[in-house]
Amino acid sequence: MVGLKTVVHPLLAYLLARYAFTLSGHALFAVVLCAGLPTAQNAFIFASEYRLPTDLPRDTVLLTTLLSMVTLTLIAYALG
């Protein structure tokens, strides 16, 4: 889950925005940067509210938040 959110999601967003929608500049940067944001707290909240297992959402939110500091910096460096 963490790899999908921090690597695959921004890469897929880049490819779609760049080649399918022909975005460039600030628009492309915004799309990829938003795709690289960490998993929302809502995933954990929904799991706890509906009494589902919370281990995976909790760990995913934590790890994507920590890793997003690196990936968002790399995205900003590459596209900024």
C-alpha atoms as a PDB file:
ATOM      1  CA  MET A   1       0.000   0.000   0.000  1.00  0.00           C
ATOM      2  CA  VAL A   2       2.772   2.404   0.901  1.00  0.00           C
ATOM      3  CA  GLY A   3       4.663   1.774  -2.322  1.00  0.00           C
ATOM      4  CA  LEU A   4       1.534   2.240  -4.369  1.00  0.00           C
ATOM      5  CA  LYS A   5       0.701   5.541  -2.718  1.00  0.00           C
ATOM      6  CA  THR A   6       4.173   7.056  -2.607  1.00  0.00           C
ATOM      7  CA  VAL A   7       5.623   5.831  -5.921  1.00  0.00           C
ATOM      8  CA  VAL A   8       3.036   4.382  -8.291  1.00  0.00           C
ATOM      9  CA  HIS A   9       0.308   6.973  -7.737  1.00  0.00           C
ATOM     10  CA  PRO A  10       2.484  10.039  -8.501  1.00  0.00           C
ATOM     11  CA  LEU A  11       4.123   8.250 -11.440  1.00  0.00           C
ATOM     12  CA  LEU A  12       0.759   7.282 -12.905  1.00  0.00           C
ATOM     13  CA  ALA A  13      -0.517  10.822 -12.350  1.00  0.00           C
ATOM     14  CA  TYR A  14       2.542  12.197 -14.157  1.00  0.00           C
ATOM     15  CA  LEU A  15       2.120   9.884 -17.128  1.00  0.00           C
ATOM     16  CA  LEU A  16      -1.596  10.582 -17.480  1.00  0.00           C
ATOM     17  CA  ALA A  17      -1.282  14.326 -16.971  1.00  0.00           C
ATOM     18  CA  ARG A  18       1.702  14.662 -19.304  1.00  0.00           C
ATOM     19  CA  TYR A  19       0.690  12.373 -22.150  1.00  0.00           C
ATOM     20  CA  ALA A  20      -3.085  11.879 -21.935  1.00  0.00           C
ATOM     21  CA  PHE A  21      -4.007  15.439 -20.950  1.00  0.00           C
ATOM     22  CA  THR A  22      -0.861  17.166 -22.314  1.00  0.00           C
ATOM     23  CA  LEU A  23      -0.352  19.243 -19.184  1.00  0.00           C
ATOM     24  CA  SER A  24       2.905  21.023 -18.537  1.00  0.00           C
ATOM     25  CA  GLY A  25       4.405  23.598 -16.199  1.00  0.00           C
ATOM     26  CA  HIS A  26       2.482  24.508 -13.077  1.00  0.00           C
ATOM     27  CA  ALA A  27      -0.538  22.370 -13.936  1.00  0.00           C
ATOM     28  CA  LEU A  28       1.572  19.225 -14.289  1.00  0.00           C
ATOM     29  CA  PHE A  29       3.446  20.064 -11.096  1.00  0.00           C
ATOM     30  CA  ALA A  30       0.178  20.523  -9.170  1.00  0.00           C
ATOM     31  CA  VAL A  31      -1.284  17.232 -10.386  1.00  0.00           C
ATOM     32  CA  VAL A  32       1.801  15.189  -9.518  1.00  0.00           C
ATOM     33  CA  LEU A  33       2.316  16.935  -6.193  1.00  0.00           C
ATOM     34  CA  CYS A  34      -1.295  16.302  -5.143  1.00  0.00           C
ATOM     35  CA  ALA A  35      -0.953  12.658  -6.161  1.00  0.00           C
ATOM     36  CA  GLY A  36       2.134  12.387  -3.969  1.00  0.00           C
ATOM     37  CA  LEU A  37       0.416  13.560  -0.809  1.00  0.00           C
ATOM     38  CA  PRO A  38       0.194  11.014   2.017  1.00  0.00           C
ATOM     39  CA  THR A  39      -2.830   8.820   2.624  1.00  0.00           C
ATOM     40  CA  ALA A  40      -5.616  10.771   4.282  1.00  0.00           C
ATOM     41  CA  GLN A  41      -6.565  10.200   7.906  1.00  0.00           C
ATOM     42  CA  ASN A  42     -10.059   9.345   6.645  1.00  0.00           C
ATOM     43  CA  ALA A  43      -8.879   5.811   5.834  1.00  0.00           C
ATOM     44  CA  PHE A  44      -8.139   5.193   9.517  1.00  0.00           C
ATOM     45  CA  ILE A  45     -11.264   7.007  10.718  1.00  0.00           C
ATOM     46  CA  PHE A  46     -13.552   4.984   8.448  1.00  0.00           C
ATOM     47  CA  ALA A  47     -11.946   1.732   9.553  1.00  0.00           C
ATOM     48  CA  SER A  48     -12.367   2.576  13.222  1.00  0.00           C
ATOM     49  CA  GLU A  49     -15.923   3.898  12.824  1.00  0.00           C
ATOM     50  CA  TYR A  50     -17.063   0.746  11.028  1.00  0.00           C
ATOM     51  CA  ARG A  51     -15.137  -1.484  13.460  1.00  0.00           C
ATOM     52  CA  LEU A  52     -12.828  -2.866  10.787  1.00  0.00           C
ATOM     53  CA  PRO A  53      -9.177  -3.765  11.367  1.00  0.00           C
ATOM     54  CA  THR A  54      -7.198  -0.556  11.782  1.00  0.00           C
ATOM     55  CA  ASP A  55      -3.640  -1.912  11.545  1.00  0.00           C
ATOM     56  CA  LEU A  56      -3.230  -1.481   7.794  1.00  0.00           C
ATOM     57  CA  PRO A  57      -4.776   2.007   7.553  1.00  0.00           C
ATOM     58  CA  ARG A  58      -2.857   3.183  10.628  1.00  0.00           C
ATOM     59  CA  ASP A  59       0.478   1.969   9.324  1.00  0.00           C
ATOM     60  CA  THR A  60      -0.225   3.223   5.805  1.00  0.00           C
ATOM     61  CA  VAL A  61      -1.078   6.714   7.033  1.00  0.00           C
ATOM     62  CA  LEU A  62       2.025   6.836   9.222  1.00  0.00           C
ATOM     63  CA  LEU A  63       4.480   5.509   6.648  1.00  0.00           C
ATOM     64  CA  THR A  64       3.135   7.532   3.730  1.00  0.00           C
ATOM     65  CA  THR A  65       3.294  10.656   5.861  1.00  0.00           C
ATOM     66  CA  LEU A  66       6.929   9.985   6.714  1.00  0.00           C
ATOM     67  CA  LEU A  67       7.913   8.982   3.183  1.00  0.00           C
ATOM     68  CA  SER A  68       6.041  11.853   1.568  1.00  0.00           C
ATOM     69  CA  MET A  69       8.614  14.250   2.955  1.00  0.00           C
ATOM     70  CA  VAL A  70      11.144  12.581   0.682  1.00  0.00           C
ATOM     71  CA  THR A  71       8.909  11.951  -2.316  1.00  0.00           C
ATOM     72  CA  LEU A  72       7.377  15.431  -2.336  1.00  0.00           C
ATOM     73  CA  THR A  73      10.863  16.920  -2.199  1.00  0.00           C
ATOM     74  CA  LEU A  74      11.918  14.746  -5.152  1.00  0.00           C
ATOM     75  CA  ILE A  75       8.801  15.731  -7.099  1.00  0.00           C
ATOM     76  CA  ALA A  76       9.443  19.410  -6.407  1.00  0.00           C
ATOM     77  CA  TYR A  77      13.065  19.034  -7.462  1.00  0.00           C
ATOM     78  CA  ALA A  78      12.218  17.138 -10.651  1.00  0.00           C
ATOM     79  CA  LEU A  79       9.297  19.279 -11.797  1.00  0.00           C
ATOM     80  CA  GLY A  80       9.854  22.576 -10.041  1.00  0.00           C
END
